[in-house]
Amino acid sequence: MARRISTTDRAETLDGATLLPVPTPPINLHDVEAVRREMARVYRAMKARTIDTQDGTRLVYVLTQIAKLHEIVEIERRIDELERLSSERQ
């Protein structure tokens, strides 16, 4: 059983039997939809008051930047494909 403790600088989940920190699973941010799901998770945590709103706001800001980068990479990929197709037609 895990329990949540709070310190002045951060909250940490500890294993109830060993009192050792419980490792957090890696966050999947491989595409815009995954980033959106993580933003929603952070929002729900802020609403439930398990994440401070200032911390949550910062996390969502960073997630927004990651989503923008995903969009830029996708746009670049599509432009490259269009340029390749265009040069093949000529």
PDB file of N, CA and C in Angstrom:
ATOM      1  N   MET A   1       0.837  -1.182   0.000  1.00  0.00           N
ATOM      2  CA  MET A   1       0.000   0.000   0.000  1.00  0.00           C
ATOM      3  C   MET A   1       0.880   1.243   0.000  1.00  0.00           C
ATOM      4  N   ALA A   2       0.574   2.191  -0.851  1.00  0.00           N
ATOM      5  CA  ALA A   2       1.344   3.428  -0.931  1.00  0.00           C
ATOM      6  C   ALA A   2       0.581   4.540  -0.238  1.00  0.00           C
ATOM      7  N   ARG A   3       1.313   5.450   0.346  1.00  0.00           N
ATOM      8  CA  ARG A   3       0.677   6.621   0.941  1.00  0.00           C
ATOM      9  C   ARG A   3       1.411   7.855   0.487  1.00  0.00           C
ATOM     10  N   ARG A   4       0.710   8.943   0.457  1.00  0.00           N
ATOM     11  CA  ARG A   4       1.268  10.205  -0.041  1.00  0.00           C
ATOM     12  C   ARG A   4       1.664  11.057   1.152  1.00  0.00           C
ATOM     13  N   ILE A   5       2.899  11.567   1.111  1.00  0.00           N
ATOM     14  CA  ILE A   5       3.336  12.492   2.143  1.00  0.00           C
ATOM     15  C   ILE A   5       3.664  13.810   1.485  1.00  0.00           C
ATOM     16  N   SER A   6       3.675  14.838   2.276  1.00  0.00           N
ATOM     17  CA  SER A   6       3.958  16.153   1.740  1.00  0.00           C
ATOM     18  C   SER A   6       5.120  16.757   2.511  1.00  0.00           C
ATOM     19  N   THR A   7       6.060  17.342   1.792  1.00  0.00           N
ATOM     20  CA  THR A   7       7.141  18.087   2.419  1.00  0.00           C
ATOM     21  C   THR A   7       7.018  19.525   1.958  1.00  0.00           C
ATOM     22  N   THR A   8       7.885  20.361   2.455  1.00  0.00           N
ATOM     23  CA  THR A   8       7.770  21.771   2.089  1.00  0.00           C
ATOM     24  C   THR A   8       8.109  22.017   0.634  1.00  0.00           C
ATOM     25  N   ASP A   9       8.994  21.188   0.041  1.00  0.00           N
ATOM     26  CA  ASP A   9       9.399  21.454  -1.333  1.00  0.00           C
ATOM     27  C   ASP A   9       8.795  20.505  -2.351  1.00  0.00           C
ATOM     28  N   ARG A  10       8.300  19.344  -1.948  1.00  0.00           N
ATOM     29  CA  ARG A  10       7.687  18.435  -2.916  1.00  0.00           C
ATOM     30  C   ARG A  10       6.903  17.350  -2.197  1.00  0.00           C
ATOM     31  N   ALA A  11       5.981  16.745  -2.923  1.00  0.00           N
ATOM     32  CA  ALA A  11       5.218  15.614  -2.410  1.00  0.00           C
ATOM     33  C   ALA A  11       5.804  14.356  -3.019  1.00  0.00           C
ATOM     34  N   GLU A  12       5.828  13.285  -2.238  1.00  0.00           N
ATOM     35  CA  GLU A  12       6.427  12.040  -2.696  1.00  0.00           C
ATOM     36  C   GLU A  12       5.545  10.881  -2.249  1.00  0.00           C
ATOM     37  N   THR A  13       5.433   9.868  -3.090  1.00  0.00           N
ATOM     38  CA  THR A  13       4.680   8.689  -2.720  1.00  0.00           C
ATOM     39  C   THR A  13       5.650   7.672  -2.141  1.00  0.00           C
ATOM     40  N   LEU A  14       5.328   7.175  -0.933  1.00  0.00           N
ATOM     41  CA  LEU A  14       6.176   6.197  -0.269  1.00  0.00           C
ATOM     42  C   LEU A  14       5.457   4.866  -0.154  1.00  0.00           C
ATOM     43  N   ASP A  15       6.226   3.790  -0.227  1.00  0.00           N
ATOM     44  CA  ASP A  15       5.685   2.460   0.002  1.00  0.00           C
ATOM     45  C   ASP A  15       5.340   2.367   1.484  1.00  0.00           C
ATOM     46  N   GLY A  16       4.129   1.936   1.813  1.00  0.00           N
ATOM     47  CA  GLY A  16       3.677   1.886   3.198  1.00  0.00           C
ATOM     48  C   GLY A  16       4.449   0.904   4.056  1.00  0.00           C
ATOM     49  N   ALA A  17       4.965  -0.169   3.463  1.00  0.00           N
ATOM     50  CA  ALA A  17       5.687  -1.177   4.235  1.00  0.00           C
ATOM     51  C   ALA A  17       7.147  -0.800   4.447  1.00  0.00           C
ATOM     52  N   THR A  18       7.803  -0.294   3.420  1.00  0.00           N
ATOM     53  CA  THR A  18       9.243  -0.023   3.506  1.00  0.00           C
ATOM     54  C   THR A  18       9.571   1.447   3.713  1.00  0.00           C
ATOM     55  N   LEU A  19       8.601   2.313   3.477  1.00  0.00           N
ATOM     56  CA  LEU A  19       8.771   3.763   3.522  1.00  0.00           C
ATOM     57  C   LEU A  19       9.817   4.258   2.521  1.00  0.00           C
ATOM     58  N   LEU A  20      10.039   3.462   1.455  1.00  0.00           N
ATOM     59  CA  LEU A  20      10.912   3.876   0.362  1.00  0.00           C
ATOM     60  C   LEU A  20      10.068   4.517  -0.727  1.00  0.00           C
ATOM     61  N   PRO A  21      10.645   5.464  -1.480  1.00  0.00           N
ATOM     62  CA  PRO A  21       9.879   6.084  -2.571  1.00  0.00           C
ATOM     63  C   PRO A  21       9.430   5.042  -3.594  1.00  0.00           C
ATOM     64  N   VAL A  22       8.196   5.170  -4.036  1.00  0.00           N
ATOM     65  CA  VAL A  22       7.654   4.290  -5.066  1.00  0.00           C
ATOM     66  C   VAL A  22       8.046   4.888  -6.414  1.00  0.00           C
ATOM     67  N   PRO A  23       8.727   4.107  -7.285  1.00  0.00           N
ATOM     68  CA  PRO A  23       9.117   4.674  -8.579  1.00  0.00           C
ATOM     69  C   PRO A  23       7.891   5.026  -9.412  1.00  0.00           C
ATOM     70  N   THR A  24       7.980   6.168 -10.078  1.00  0.00           N
ATOM     71  CA  THR A  24       6.873   6.579 -10.935  1.00  0.00           C
ATOM     72  C   THR A  24       7.091   6.014 -12.328  1.00  0.00           C
ATOM     73  N   PRO A  25       6.026   5.556 -12.974  1.00  0.00           N
ATOM     74  CA  PRO A  25       6.184   5.020 -14.330  1.00  0.00           C
ATOM     75  C   PRO A  25       6.548   6.141 -15.300  1.00  0.00           C
ATOM     76  N   PRO A  26       7.263   5.798 -16.376  1.00  0.00           N
ATOM     77  CA  PRO A  26       7.604   6.838 -17.354  1.00  0.00           C
ATOM     78  C   PRO A  26       6.339   7.403 -17.994  1.00  0.00           C
ATOM     79  N   ILE A  27       6.398   8.679 -18.320  1.00  0.00           N
ATOM     80  CA  ILE A  27       5.262   9.355 -18.940  1.00  0.00           C
ATOM     81  C   ILE A  27       5.397   9.239 -20.454  1.00  0.00           C
ATOM     82  N   ASN A  28       4.343   8.800 -21.092  1.00  0.00           N
ATOM     83  CA  ASN A  28       4.332   8.637 -22.541  1.00  0.00           C
ATOM     84  C   ASN A  28       3.931   9.967 -23.186  1.00  0.00           C
ATOM     85  N   LEU A  29       4.869  10.565 -23.910  1.00  0.00           N
ATOM     86  CA  LEU A  29       4.599  11.837 -24.592  1.00  0.00           C
ATOM     87  C   LEU A  29       4.967  11.726 -26.063  1.00  0.00           C
ATOM     88  N   HIS A  30       4.718  10.567 -26.669  1.00  0.00           N
ATOM     89  CA  HIS A  30       5.196  10.289 -28.026  1.00  0.00           C
ATOM     90  C   HIS A  30       4.414  10.983 -29.130  1.00  0.00           C
ATOM     91  N   ASP A  31       3.242  11.514 -28.834  1.00  0.00           N
ATOM     92  CA  ASP A  31       2.482  12.255 -29.838  1.00  0.00           C
ATOM     93  C   ASP A  31       1.576  13.270 -29.152  1.00  0.00           C
ATOM     94  N   VAL A  32       0.930  14.087 -29.952  1.00  0.00           N
ATOM     95  CA  VAL A  32       0.094  15.165 -29.401  1.00  0.00           C
ATOM     96  C   VAL A  32      -1.041  14.606 -28.550  1.00  0.00           C
ATOM     97  N   GLU A  33      -1.610  13.498 -28.952  1.00  0.00           N
ATOM     98  CA  GLU A  33      -2.705  12.896 -28.175  1.00  0.00           C
ATOM     99  C   GLU A  33      -2.208  12.442 -26.803  1.00  0.00           C
ATOM    100  N   ALA A  34      -1.027  11.883 -26.736  1.00  0.00           N
ATOM    101  CA  ALA A  34      -0.463  11.469 -25.453  1.00  0.00           C
ATOM    102  C   ALA A  34      -0.185  12.681 -24.568  1.00  0.00           C
ATOM    103  N   VAL A  35       0.277  13.768 -25.160  1.00  0.00           N
ATOM    104  CA  VAL A  35       0.512  15.002 -24.412  1.00  0.00           C
ATOM    105  C   VAL A  35      -0.812  15.550 -23.896  1.00  0.00           C
ATOM    106  N   ARG A  36      -1.844  15.493 -24.719  1.00  0.00           N
ATOM    107  CA  ARG A  36      -3.175  15.962 -24.291  1.00  0.00           C
ATOM    108  C   ARG A  36      -3.667  15.164 -23.091  1.00  0.00           C
ATOM    109  N   ARG A  37      -3.471  13.837 -23.137  1.00  0.00           N
ATOM    110  CA  ARG A  37      -3.898  12.997 -22.010  1.00  0.00           C
ATOM    111  C   ARG A  37      -3.136  13.363 -20.737  1.00  0.00           C
ATOM    112  N   GLU A  38      -1.844  13.648 -20.872  1.00  0.00           N
ATOM    113  CA  GLU A  38      -1.057  14.037 -19.697  1.00  0.00           C
ATOM    114  C   GLU A  38      -1.519  15.386 -19.159  1.00  0.00           C
ATOM    115  N   MET A  39      -1.852  16.323 -20.047  1.00  0.00           N
ATOM    116  CA  MET A  39      -2.396  17.609 -19.600  1.00  0.00           C
ATOM    117  C   MET A  39      -3.692  17.397 -18.823  1.00  0.00           C
ATOM    118  N   ALA A  40      -4.534  16.519 -19.316  1.00  0.00           N
ATOM    119  CA  ALA A  40      -5.801  16.236 -18.640  1.00  0.00           C
ATOM    120  C   ALA A  40      -5.547  15.599 -17.272  1.00  0.00           C
ATOM    121  N   ARG A  41      -4.535  14.713 -17.195  1.00  0.00           N
ATOM    122  CA  ARG A  41      -4.198  14.092 -15.921  1.00  0.00           C
ATOM    123  C   ARG A  41      -3.735  15.146 -14.917  1.00  0.00           C
ATOM    124  N   VAL A  42      -2.903  16.087 -15.375  1.00  0.00           N
ATOM    125  CA  VAL A  42      -2.417  17.156 -14.501  1.00  0.00           C
ATOM    126  C   VAL A  42      -3.590  18.038 -14.052  1.00  0.00           C
ATOM    127  N   TYR A  43      -4.491  18.347 -14.975  1.00  0.00           N
ATOM    128  CA  TYR A  43      -5.659  19.161 -14.627  1.00  0.00           C
ATOM    129  C   TYR A  43      -6.501  18.471 -13.551  1.00  0.00           C
ATOM    130  N   ARG A  44      -6.751  17.182 -13.751  1.00  0.00           N
ATOM    131  CA  ARG A  44      -7.539  16.446 -12.748  1.00  0.00           C
ATOM    132  C   ARG A  44      -6.829  16.427 -11.395  1.00  0.00           C
ATOM    133  N   ALA A  45      -5.501  16.317 -11.405  1.00  0.00           N
ATOM    134  CA  ALA A  45      -4.740  16.327 -10.152  1.00  0.00           C
ATOM    135  C   ALA A  45      -4.823  17.693  -9.470  1.00  0.00           C
ATOM    136  N   MET A  46      -4.845  18.758 -10.262  1.00  0.00           N
ATOM    137  CA  MET A  46      -5.009  20.094  -9.674  1.00  0.00           C
ATOM    138  C   MET A  46      -6.404  20.233  -9.074  1.00  0.00           C
ATOM    139  N   LYS A  47      -7.420  19.736  -9.798  1.00  0.00           N
ATOM    140  CA  LYS A  47      -8.794  19.814  -9.275  1.00  0.00           C
ATOM    141  C   LYS A  47      -8.935  19.016  -7.982  1.00  0.00           C
ATOM    142  N   ALA A  48      -8.229  17.872  -7.914  1.00  0.00           N
ATOM    143  CA  ALA A  48      -8.283  17.018  -6.718  1.00  0.00           C
ATOM    144  C   ALA A  48      -7.346  17.525  -5.624  1.00  0.00           C
ATOM    145  N   ARG A  49      -6.588  18.558  -5.946  1.00  0.00           N
ATOM    146  CA  ARG A  49      -5.629  19.173  -5.022  1.00  0.00           C
ATOM    147  C   ARG A  49      -4.501  18.222  -4.604  1.00  0.00           C
ATOM    148  N   THR A  50      -4.127  17.303  -5.508  1.00  0.00           N
ATOM    149  CA  THR A  50      -2.952  16.470  -5.254  1.00  0.00           C
ATOM    150  C   THR A  50      -1.705  17.081  -5.886  1.00  0.00           C
ATOM    151  N   ILE A  51      -1.894  18.064  -6.764  1.00  0.00           N
ATOM    152  CA  ILE A  51      -0.799  18.858  -7.326  1.00  0.00           C
ATOM    153  C   ILE A  51      -1.148  20.320  -7.090  1.00  0.00           C
ATOM    154  N   ASP A  52      -0.188  21.058  -6.572  1.00  0.00           N
ATOM    155  CA  ASP A  52      -0.376  22.489  -6.374  1.00  0.00           C
ATOM    156  C   ASP A  52      -0.670  23.157  -7.716  1.00  0.00           C
ATOM    157  N   THR A  53      -1.552  24.128  -7.728  1.00  0.00           N
ATOM    158  CA  THR A  53      -1.936  24.751  -8.995  1.00  0.00           C
ATOM    159  C   THR A  53      -0.758  25.451  -9.678  1.00  0.00           C
ATOM    160  N   GLN A  54       0.158  26.028  -8.911  1.00  0.00           N
ATOM    161  CA  GLN A  54       1.332  26.653  -9.535  1.00  0.00           C
ATOM    162  C   GLN A  54       2.195  25.597 -10.228  1.00  0.00           C
ATOM    163  N   ASP A  55       2.403  24.462  -9.559  1.00  0.00           N
ATOM    164  CA  ASP A  55       3.186  23.380 -10.165  1.00  0.00           C
ATOM    165  C   ASP A  55       2.461  22.824 -11.389  1.00  0.00           C
ATOM    166  N   GLY A  56       1.157  22.635 -11.273  1.00  0.00           N
ATOM    167  CA  GLY A  56       0.373  22.118 -12.387  1.00  0.00           C
ATOM    168  C   GLY A  56       0.407  23.049 -13.588  1.00  0.00           C
ATOM    169  N   THR A  57       0.322  24.346 -13.320  1.00  0.00           N
ATOM    170  CA  THR A  57       0.383  25.324 -14.403  1.00  0.00           C
ATOM    171  C   THR A  57       1.714  25.252 -15.124  1.00  0.00           C
ATOM    172  N   ARG A  58       2.778  25.113 -14.386  1.00  0.00           N
ATOM    173  CA  ARG A  58       4.111  24.994 -14.999  1.00  0.00           C
ATOM    174  C   ARG A  58       4.215  23.715 -15.826  1.00  0.00           C
ATOM    175  N   LEU A  59       3.698  22.616 -15.287  1.00  0.00           N
ATOM    176  CA  LEU A  59       3.731  21.351 -16.023  1.00  0.00           C
ATOM    177  C   LEU A  59       2.945  21.459 -17.332  1.00  0.00           C
ATOM    178  N   VAL A  60       1.761  22.055 -17.265  1.00  0.00           N
ATOM    179  CA  VAL A  60       0.945  22.186 -18.469  1.00  0.00           C
ATOM    180  C   VAL A  60       1.632  23.106 -19.476  1.00  0.00           C
ATOM    181  N   TYR A  61       2.322  24.137 -19.012  1.00  0.00           N
ATOM    182  CA  TYR A  61       3.059  25.008 -19.924  1.00  0.00           C
ATOM    183  C   TYR A  61       4.113  24.201 -20.683  1.00  0.00           C
ATOM    184  N   VAL A  62       4.887  23.405 -19.963  1.00  0.00           N
ATOM    185  CA  VAL A  62       5.923  22.588 -20.606  1.00  0.00           C
ATOM    186  C   VAL A  62       5.279  21.591 -21.569  1.00  0.00           C
ATOM    187  N   LEU A  63       4.173  20.982 -21.164  1.00  0.00           N
ATOM    188  CA  LEU A  63       3.469  20.038 -22.043  1.00  0.00           C
ATOM    189  C   LEU A  63       2.976  20.747 -23.309  1.00  0.00           C
ATOM    190  N   THR A  64       2.540  21.987 -23.178  1.00  0.00           N
ATOM    191  CA  THR A  64       2.114  22.766 -24.344  1.00  0.00           C
ATOM    192  C   THR A  64       3.268  22.960 -25.313  1.00  0.00           C
ATOM    193  N   GLN A  65       4.454  23.240 -24.785  1.00  0.00           N
ATOM    194  CA  GLN A  65       5.628  23.411 -25.633  1.00  0.00           C
ATOM    195  C   GLN A  65       5.985  22.098 -26.333  1.00  0.00           C
ATOM    196  N   ILE A  66       5.865  20.989 -25.639  1.00  0.00           N
ATOM    197  CA  ILE A  66       6.127  19.676 -26.247  1.00  0.00           C
ATOM    198  C   ILE A  66       5.124  19.415 -27.364  1.00  0.00           C
ATOM    199  N   ALA A  67       3.850  19.734 -27.125  1.00  0.00           N
ATOM    200  CA  ALA A  67       2.822  19.539 -28.157  1.00  0.00           C
ATOM    201  C   ALA A  67       3.127  20.394 -29.387  1.00  0.00           C
ATOM    202  N   LYS A  68       3.564  21.641 -29.180  1.00  0.00           N
ATOM    203  CA  LYS A  68       3.916  22.501 -30.314  1.00  0.00           C
ATOM    204  C   LYS A  68       5.061  21.897 -31.118  1.00  0.00           C
ATOM    205  N   LEU A  69       6.050  21.351 -30.427  1.00  0.00           N
ATOM    206  CA  LEU A  69       7.171  20.720 -31.128  1.00  0.00           C
ATOM    207  C   LEU A  69       6.711  19.513 -31.944  1.00  0.00           C
ATOM    208  N   HIS A  70       5.796  18.725 -31.380  1.00  0.00           N
ATOM    209  CA  HIS A  70       5.236  17.603 -32.145  1.00  0.00           C
ATOM    210  C   HIS A  70       4.568  18.107 -33.426  1.00  0.00           C
ATOM    211  N   GLU A  71       3.815  19.196 -33.308  1.00  0.00           N
ATOM    212  CA  GLU A  71       3.131  19.763 -34.474  1.00  0.00           C
ATOM    213  C   GLU A  71       4.141  20.258 -35.512  1.00  0.00           C
ATOM    214  N   ILE A  72       5.192  20.922 -35.060  1.00  0.00           N
ATOM    215  CA  ILE A  72       6.211  21.430 -35.984  1.00  0.00           C
ATOM    216  C   ILE A  72       6.890  20.281 -36.718  1.00  0.00           C
ATOM    217  N   VAL A  73       7.225  19.236 -35.990  1.00  0.00           N
ATOM    218  CA  VAL A  73       7.872  18.075 -36.618  1.00  0.00           C
ATOM    219  C   VAL A  73       6.949  17.459 -37.664  1.00  0.00           C
ATOM    220  N   GLU A  74       5.670  17.359 -37.347  1.00  0.00           N
ATOM    221  CA  GLU A  74       4.707  16.785 -38.299  1.00  0.00           C
ATOM    222  C   GLU A  74       4.564  17.672 -39.534  1.00  0.00           C
ATOM    223  N   ILE A  75       4.503  18.979 -39.348  1.00  0.00           N
ATOM    224  CA  ILE A  75       4.403  19.901 -40.490  1.00  0.00           C
ATOM    225  C   ILE A  75       5.648  19.789 -41.367  1.00  0.00           C
ATOM    226  N   GLU A  76       6.826  19.752 -40.742  1.00  0.00           N
ATOM    227  CA  GLU A  76       8.069  19.597 -41.515  1.00  0.00           C
ATOM    228  C   GLU A  76       8.075  18.290 -42.301  1.00  0.00           C
ATOM    229  N   ARG A  77       7.592  17.220 -41.668  1.00  0.00           N
ATOM    230  CA  ARG A  77       7.540  15.923 -42.344  1.00  0.00           C
ATOM    231  C   ARG A  77       6.630  15.996 -43.564  1.00  0.00           C
ATOM    232  N   ARG A  78       5.486  16.643 -43.412  1.00  0.00           N
ATOM    233  CA  ARG A  78       4.545  16.766 -44.524  1.00  0.00           C
ATOM    234  C   ARG A  78       5.098  17.639 -45.643  1.00  0.00           C
ATOM    235  N   ILE A  79       5.782  18.730 -45.299  1.00  0.00           N
ATOM    236  CA  ILE A  79       6.389  19.593 -46.320  1.00  0.00           C
ATOM    237  C   ILE A  79       7.447  18.814 -47.080  1.00  0.00           C
ATOM    238  N   ASP A  80       8.283  18.079 -46.364  1.00  0.00           N
ATOM    239  CA  ASP A  80       9.312  17.273 -47.026  1.00  0.00           C
ATOM    240  C   ASP A  80       8.690  16.277 -47.996  1.00  0.00           C
ATOM    241  N   GLU A  81       7.610  15.663 -47.581  1.00  0.00           N
ATOM    242  CA  GLU A  81       6.922  14.688 -48.447  1.00  0.00           C
ATOM    243  C   GLU A  81       6.348  15.377 -49.689  1.00  0.00           C
ATOM    244  N   LEU A  82       5.726  16.546 -49.501  1.00  0.00           N
ATOM    245  CA  LEU A  82       5.191  17.290 -50.636  1.00  0.00           C
ATOM    246  C   LEU A  82       6.297  17.713 -51.596  1.00  0.00           C
ATOM    247  N   GLU A  83       7.422  18.177 -51.050  1.00  0.00           N
ATOM    248  CA  GLU A  83       8.549  18.563 -51.903  1.00  0.00           C
ATOM    249  C   GLU A  83       9.098  17.358 -52.668  1.00  0.00           C
ATOM    250  N   ARG A  84       9.159  16.218 -52.013  1.00  0.00           N
ATOM    251  CA  ARG A  84       9.628  15.010 -52.677  1.00  0.00           C
ATOM    252  C   ARG A  84       8.690  14.621 -53.807  1.00  0.00           C
ATOM    253  N   LEU A  85       7.391  14.642 -53.569  1.00  0.00           N
ATOM    254  CA  LEU A  85       6.409  14.311 -54.585  1.00  0.00           C
ATOM    255  C   LEU A  85       6.460  15.305 -55.745  1.00  0.00           C
ATOM    256  N   SER A  86       6.629  16.577 -55.415  1.00  0.00           N
ATOM    257  CA  SER A  86       6.705  17.612 -56.449  1.00  0.00           C
ATOM    258  C   SER A  86       7.922  17.412 -57.347  1.00  0.00           C
ATOM    259  N   SER A  87       9.058  17.109 -56.751  1.00  0.00           N
ATOM    260  CA  SER A  87      10.275  16.918 -57.553  1.00  0.00           C
ATOM    261  C   SER A  87      10.204  15.643 -58.409  1.00  0.00           C
ATOM    262  N   GLU A  88       9.465  14.653 -57.947  1.00  0.00           N
ATOM    263  CA  GLU A  88       9.293  13.427 -58.736  1.00  0.00           C
ATOM    264  C   GLU A  88       8.433  13.677 -59.975  1.00  0.00           C
ATOM    265  N   ARG A  89       7.502  14.599 -59.907  1.00  0.00           N
ATOM    266  CA  ARG A  89       6.602  14.905 -61.028  1.00  0.00           C
ATOM    267  C   ARG A  89       7.286  15.709 -62.105  1.00  0.00           C
ATOM    268  N   GLN A  90       8.347  16.412 -61.749  1.00  0.00           N
ATOM    269  CA  GLN A  90       9.006  17.291 -62.736  1.00  0.00           C
ATOM    270  C   GLN A  90       9.973  16.533 -63.588  1.00  0.00           C
TER     271      GLN A  90
END
